[in-house]
Amino acid sequence: MEFAGFHLEWREVSGGRLRLRRGGNGPPLLLLHGNPETHMMWSKIAPALAARFEVICPDLRGYGGSFKPPASADHTPYAKRAMARDMAELMAGLGHERFPVGSHDRGARVAHRLALDCPDRVTRLAVLDIIPTLAHFERTDMRFALGYYHWFWFAQPHPFPEALINVAPELWFKAHVTRGADQMPAFFTPEAAADYLAAARDPAMITGMCEDYRAAATIDLVHDRESRAAGEKIRCPLLALWGARNFVGRLYDPLAVWREFAAGPVSGGPVDCGHYLAEEAPEAIRDAFLGFFA
């Protein structure tokens, strides 16, 4: 059973309503999902983590069952600062002023901003298969543009990319997560795959996803450069893991890049899998999280 012992619930934050699953006993642990997924990406490891922690797995704004602001000219509703504020409010509402964060892909970008904006609240940060957004864009070359082509497609003006995706959302989803194949990856559980496809069929989610990427290419860079100019860095211990069969480790030295953005200790390394670490290599991520967060 998916998320055995967890409760599906909805919580209000100032922007709207968030869908989440919560379970376990102990100190809090916030887990943030990536694109184009939902909180269901944590289903293989959350029950094991719940033996040590109260695990909170929300859908980010714009994704899954959470609220989805419409497209806007300045994309500020999808700035990582706004998405991080949702998570800070959620955790405060659950009675947690200080907490560690595990995160993947887009959720890791939200978590990075959360650690910068709320340095006294985030105690430890784990990021899966990313380097900072600013580092990506400032290092852009043909290898990055081809490997991360969707960053530039999703960021095109509304409603161009949405209109194309909404013609065949299931075909788009399968091609996006496999880079071209027309079959669902076997490492997605049936329950997770069903949740992802239900979200992909929702035009509001597709708009939210694209706005997330538009914000990354505009307002997020403004905030990131302001933070850099002010000398703001991640102060808590940072764990960076990446898929050895994906792009990040081939394009960069991820630990060296993260050390440019962190004032505290940085550790981590590659995992023998692709981009979807928590689903492709759940035992490795479970063990790494237990060791790092405990």
Protein backbone atom coordinates (compact mmCIF):
# COMPACT_ATOMS: atom_id res chain seq x y z
CA MET A 1 0.00 0.00 0.00
CA GLU A 2 1.32 3.44 -0.96
CA PHE A 3 2.21 5.64 2.02
CA ALA A 4 1.05 3.08 4.59
CA GLY A 5 0.34 4.86 7.85
CA PHE A 6 0.20 8.31 6.22
CA HIS A 7 -2.80 10.63 6.15
CA LEU A 8 -3.84 12.52 3.02
CA GLU A 9 -4.83 16.04 4.01
CA TRP A 10 -5.13 19.63 2.86
CA ARG A 11 -3.68 22.63 4.66
CA GLU A 12 -4.27 26.32 4.06
CA VAL A 13 -1.42 28.78 3.60
CA SER A 14 -1.78 32.45 2.71
CA GLY A 15 -1.68 31.72 -1.02
CA GLY A 16 -4.16 28.85 -1.10
CA ARG A 17 -4.62 25.19 -0.20
CA LEU A 18 -1.85 22.60 -0.29
CA ARG A 19 -2.35 18.85 -0.66
CA LEU A 20 0.02 16.72 1.38
CA ARG A 21 0.61 13.38 3.03
CA ARG A 22 1.89 13.22 6.60
CA GLY A 23 2.93 10.30 8.76
CA GLY A 24 5.33 9.05 11.40
CA ASN A 25 6.50 10.19 14.80
CA GLY A 26 9.55 12.13 15.83
CA PRO A 27 11.21 15.33 14.65
CA PRO A 28 9.86 16.83 11.40
CA LEU A 29 11.22 16.14 7.92
CA LEU A 30 9.88 18.08 4.93
CA LEU A 31 10.16 16.38 1.50
CA LEU A 32 9.67 18.43 -1.68
CA HIS A 33 9.01 16.78 -5.05
CA GLY A 34 10.25 17.56 -8.54
CA ASN A 35 8.78 18.12 -11.99
CA PRO A 36 6.52 16.84 -13.49
CA GLU A 37 5.60 14.81 -10.43
CA THR A 38 3.72 15.17 -7.14
CA HIS A 39 4.44 14.20 -3.54
CA MET A 40 3.89 10.59 -4.66
CA MET A 41 7.53 10.45 -5.77
CA TRP A 42 8.45 9.85 -2.10
CA SER A 43 6.18 6.81 -1.68
CA LYS A 44 9.01 4.26 -1.79
CA ILE A 45 11.04 5.84 1.01
CA ALA A 46 8.63 7.89 3.13
CA PRO A 47 7.35 4.91 5.20
CA ALA A 48 10.90 3.95 6.19
CA LEU A 49 11.73 7.55 7.09
CA ALA A 50 8.52 7.74 9.13
CA ALA A 51 10.01 5.27 11.59
CA ARG A 52 12.35 8.09 12.68
CA PHE A 53 10.58 11.30 11.67
CA GLU A 54 7.24 12.96 11.19
CA VAL A 55 7.42 13.10 7.41
CA ILE A 56 5.54 15.86 5.57
CA CYS A 57 5.18 15.48 1.79
CA PRO A 58 3.28 18.36 0.12
CA ASP A 59 2.51 19.12 -3.49
CA LEU A 60 4.14 22.41 -4.48
CA ARG A 61 1.87 25.21 -5.61
CA GLY A 62 1.04 24.67 -9.28
CA TYR A 63 1.45 20.90 -9.03
CA GLY A 64 -0.67 17.89 -8.12
CA GLY A 65 -3.59 18.69 -5.85
CA SER A 66 -2.30 22.02 -4.55
CA PHE A 67 -3.56 25.45 -5.57
CA LYS A 68 -2.56 26.77 -8.97
CA PRO A 69 -2.28 30.53 -9.54
CA PRO A 70 -2.97 31.56 -13.16
CA ALA A 71 -0.29 32.82 -15.52
CA SER A 72 0.88 36.38 -14.92
CA ALA A 73 3.08 38.87 -16.70
CA ASP A 74 5.80 38.92 -14.03
CA HIS A 75 5.54 35.25 -12.90
CA THR A 76 5.94 36.28 -9.25
CA PRO A 77 3.26 33.83 -8.01
CA TYR A 78 5.72 31.10 -9.06
CA ALA A 79 8.91 32.74 -7.81
CA LYS A 80 10.77 30.25 -5.67
CA ARG A 81 10.51 32.83 -2.90
CA ALA A 82 6.70 32.55 -3.00
CA MET A 83 6.83 28.75 -3.24
CA ALA A 84 9.27 28.62 -0.33
CA ARG A 85 6.99 30.87 1.72
CA ASP A 86 4.23 28.27 1.27
CA MET A 87 6.48 25.66 2.85
CA ALA A 88 7.54 27.91 5.73
CA GLU A 89 3.89 28.67 6.48
CA LEU A 90 2.89 25.02 6.17
CA MET A 91 5.53 23.89 8.64
CA ALA A 92 4.71 26.68 11.08
CA GLY A 93 1.05 25.71 10.90
CA LEU A 94 2.01 22.15 11.79
CA GLY A 95 3.94 23.44 14.80
CA HIS A 96 7.46 23.10 13.35
CA GLU A 97 9.65 26.19 13.55
CA ARG A 98 12.89 24.34 12.70
CA PHE A 99 13.16 21.39 10.35
CA PRO A 100 15.35 19.62 7.77
CA VAL A 101 14.39 19.41 4.09
CA GLY A 102 14.89 16.68 1.51
CA SER A 103 14.21 17.77 -2.05
CA HIS A 104 14.38 16.80 -5.71
CA ASP A 105 14.52 18.78 -8.96
CA ARG A 106 12.10 21.77 -8.84
CA GLY A 107 11.42 21.09 -5.19
CA ALA A 108 15.14 21.40 -4.54
CA ARG A 109 15.09 24.87 -6.10
CA VAL A 110 12.29 25.80 -3.72
CA ALA A 111 14.28 24.28 -0.85
CA HIS A 112 17.40 26.26 -1.84
CA ARG A 113 15.43 29.51 -1.66
CA LEU A 114 13.81 28.40 1.63
CA ALA A 115 17.27 27.86 3.13
CA LEU A 116 18.34 31.35 2.01
CA ASP A 117 15.19 33.17 3.13
CA CYS A 118 14.71 31.22 6.38
CA PRO A 119 18.24 30.32 7.48
CA ASP A 120 17.23 29.98 11.13
CA ARG A 121 14.50 27.48 10.28
CA VAL A 122 16.15 25.02 7.87
CA THR A 123 18.50 22.82 9.88
CA ARG A 124 19.75 20.51 7.13
CA LEU A 125 19.20 20.43 3.37
CA ALA A 126 19.43 17.54 0.91
CA VAL A 127 19.13 18.24 -2.83
CA LEU A 128 18.75 15.57 -5.51
CA ASP A 129 20.02 15.97 -9.08
CA ILE A 130 20.41 19.72 -9.36
CA ILE A 131 22.87 22.55 -9.13
CA PRO A 132 21.54 26.05 -8.34
CA THR A 133 19.38 27.71 -11.00
CA LEU A 134 21.71 30.69 -11.27
CA ALA A 135 24.70 28.41 -11.83
CA HIS A 136 22.86 26.59 -14.63
CA PHE A 137 21.95 29.74 -16.52
CA GLU A 138 25.33 31.40 -16.08
CA ARG A 139 27.07 28.27 -17.37
CA THR A 140 24.67 27.71 -20.29
CA ASP A 141 26.23 26.15 -23.37
CA MET A 142 25.02 23.84 -26.13
CA ARG A 143 25.28 20.74 -23.90
CA PHE A 144 23.05 22.29 -21.26
CA ALA A 145 20.59 23.73 -23.81
CA LEU A 146 20.15 20.35 -25.50
CA GLY A 147 20.06 18.30 -22.31
CA TYR A 148 17.69 20.72 -20.56
CA TYR A 149 15.77 21.85 -23.64
CA HIS A 150 12.51 21.92 -21.67
CA TRP A 151 13.79 24.78 -19.52
CA PHE A 152 13.69 27.00 -22.60
CA TRP A 153 10.50 25.54 -24.08
CA PHE A 154 8.40 25.76 -20.89
CA ALA A 155 9.65 29.33 -20.37
CA GLN A 156 8.22 30.52 -23.69
CA PRO A 157 5.34 33.02 -23.34
CA HIS A 158 1.96 31.77 -22.16
CA PRO A 159 0.03 29.98 -23.65
CA PHE A 160 2.30 28.56 -26.37
CA PRO A 161 3.87 25.57 -24.60
CA GLU A 162 0.69 24.84 -22.66
CA ALA A 163 -1.38 24.70 -25.84
CA LEU A 164 0.89 22.06 -27.36
CA ILE A 165 1.16 19.93 -24.21
CA ASN A 166 -2.60 19.99 -23.63
CA VAL A 167 -3.24 18.43 -27.04
CA ALA A 168 -1.74 15.14 -25.84
CA PRO A 169 -0.77 15.38 -22.16
CA GLU A 170 -0.16 11.65 -21.60
CA LEU A 171 2.05 11.41 -24.69
CA TRP A 172 3.93 14.51 -23.56
CA PHE A 173 4.38 13.18 -20.01
CA LYS A 174 5.83 9.84 -21.11
CA ALA A 175 8.15 11.49 -23.63
CA HIS A 176 9.27 14.08 -21.08
CA VAL A 177 10.15 11.65 -18.29
CA THR A 178 11.90 9.19 -20.64
CA ARG A 179 13.36 11.65 -23.15
CA GLY A 180 11.41 10.17 -26.03
CA ALA A 181 9.96 6.75 -25.17
CA ASP A 182 6.19 6.19 -25.25
CA GLN A 183 6.01 3.89 -22.22
CA MET A 184 5.76 4.82 -18.54
CA PRO A 185 9.02 4.10 -16.66
CA ALA A 186 8.81 0.84 -14.74
CA PHE A 187 10.24 2.46 -11.60
CA PHE A 188 7.10 4.61 -11.20
CA THR A 189 4.65 2.68 -9.02
CA PRO A 190 1.17 2.30 -10.55
CA GLU A 191 -0.28 4.61 -7.89
CA ALA A 192 2.34 7.27 -8.49
CA ALA A 193 2.01 7.04 -12.27
CA ALA A 194 -1.76 7.46 -12.00
CA ASP A 195 -1.33 10.56 -9.84
CA TYR A 196 1.22 12.07 -12.22
CA LEU A 197 -1.01 11.47 -15.25
CA ALA A 198 -4.06 12.89 -13.49
CA ALA A 199 -2.07 16.06 -12.84
CA ALA A 200 -0.78 16.18 -16.42
CA ARG A 201 -4.35 16.09 -17.73
CA ASP A 202 -5.15 19.25 -15.75
CA PRO A 203 -4.49 22.35 -17.90
CA ALA A 204 -4.07 24.43 -14.74
CA MET A 205 -1.17 22.20 -13.68
CA ILE A 206 0.48 22.55 -17.08
CA THR A 207 0.21 26.33 -16.76
CA GLY A 208 1.59 26.19 -13.23
CA MET A 209 4.51 24.06 -14.39
CA CYS A 210 5.35 26.45 -17.23
CA GLU A 211 5.03 29.45 -14.92
CA ASP A 212 7.48 27.73 -12.57
CA TYR A 213 10.03 27.65 -15.40
CA ARG A 214 9.20 31.19 -16.56
CA ALA A 215 9.85 32.40 -13.03
CA ALA A 216 13.15 30.52 -12.99
CA ALA A 217 14.29 32.39 -16.09
CA THR A 218 13.21 35.82 -14.80
CA ILE A 219 12.28 36.78 -11.22
CA ASP A 220 14.21 33.91 -9.62
CA LEU A 221 17.43 35.11 -11.23
CA VAL A 222 16.81 38.59 -9.82
CA HIS A 223 16.38 37.16 -6.33
CA ASP A 224 19.38 34.83 -6.70
CA ARG A 225 21.66 37.65 -7.84
CA GLU A 226 20.45 39.85 -4.99
CA SER A 227 21.25 37.06 -2.54
CA ARG A 228 24.71 36.58 -4.04
CA ALA A 229 25.45 40.31 -3.92
CA ALA A 230 24.40 40.36 -0.26
CA GLY A 231 26.69 37.41 0.53
CA GLU A 232 23.78 35.14 1.43
CA LYS A 233 24.67 31.45 1.33
CA ILE A 234 23.23 28.18 2.61
CA ARG A 235 24.30 28.06 6.25
CA CYS A 236 23.14 24.58 7.23
CA PRO A 237 24.84 21.28 6.29
CA LEU A 238 24.09 20.35 2.67
CA LEU A 239 23.88 16.91 1.07
CA ALA A 240 23.98 16.89 -2.76
CA LEU A 241 23.27 13.63 -4.60
CA TRP A 242 22.84 13.14 -8.32
CA GLY A 243 22.09 10.39 -10.82
CA ALA A 244 25.29 9.04 -12.34
CA ARG A 245 23.37 8.24 -15.53
CA ASN A 246 21.85 11.70 -15.88
CA PHE A 247 23.20 15.06 -17.00
CA VAL A 248 24.26 16.88 -13.82
CA GLY A 249 27.42 14.91 -13.09
CA ARG A 250 28.42 14.88 -16.75
CA LEU A 251 28.09 18.63 -17.16
CA TYR A 252 29.45 19.85 -13.83
CA ASP A 253 31.34 19.05 -10.64
CA PRO A 254 28.19 19.34 -8.49
CA LEU A 255 29.93 19.45 -5.11
CA ALA A 256 32.29 22.18 -6.28
CA VAL A 257 29.36 24.21 -7.60
CA TRP A 258 27.35 23.81 -4.40
CA ARG A 259 30.35 24.90 -2.32
CA GLU A 260 30.19 28.24 -4.12
CA PHE A 261 26.66 28.67 -2.76
CA ALA A 262 27.14 27.24 0.74
CA ALA A 263 28.83 28.55 3.87
CA GLY A 264 28.45 25.26 5.74
CA PRO A 265 29.68 21.73 5.03
CA VAL A 266 28.80 20.14 1.68
CA SER A 267 28.86 16.37 1.13
CA GLY A 268 27.40 13.86 -1.30
CA GLY A 269 28.13 12.19 -4.59
CA PRO A 270 26.65 10.21 -7.49
CA VAL A 271 24.06 7.44 -7.22
CA ASP A 272 23.87 4.68 -9.83
CA CYS A 273 20.61 5.74 -11.48
CA GLY A 274 19.06 8.40 -13.67
CA HIS A 275 17.18 11.55 -12.71
CA TYR A 276 14.45 10.07 -10.49
CA LEU A 277 16.67 9.02 -7.61
CA ALA A 278 14.05 8.34 -4.94
CA GLU A 279 12.15 6.06 -7.33
CA GLU A 280 15.02 4.45 -9.23
CA ALA A 281 17.32 3.90 -6.24
CA PRO A 282 15.05 4.13 -3.18
CA GLU A 283 17.25 2.08 -0.86
CA ALA A 284 20.27 4.27 -1.55
CA ILE A 285 18.31 7.49 -0.99
CA ARG A 286 16.59 6.12 2.09
CA ASP A 287 19.91 5.20 3.66
CA ALA A 288 21.54 8.48 2.67
CA PHE A 289 18.65 10.48 4.16
CA LEU A 290 18.59 8.45 7.36
CA GLY A 291 22.31 8.96 7.82
CA PHE A 292 22.26 12.65 6.97
CA PHE A 293 19.10 13.76 8.77
CA ALA A 294 19.54 11.59 11.85
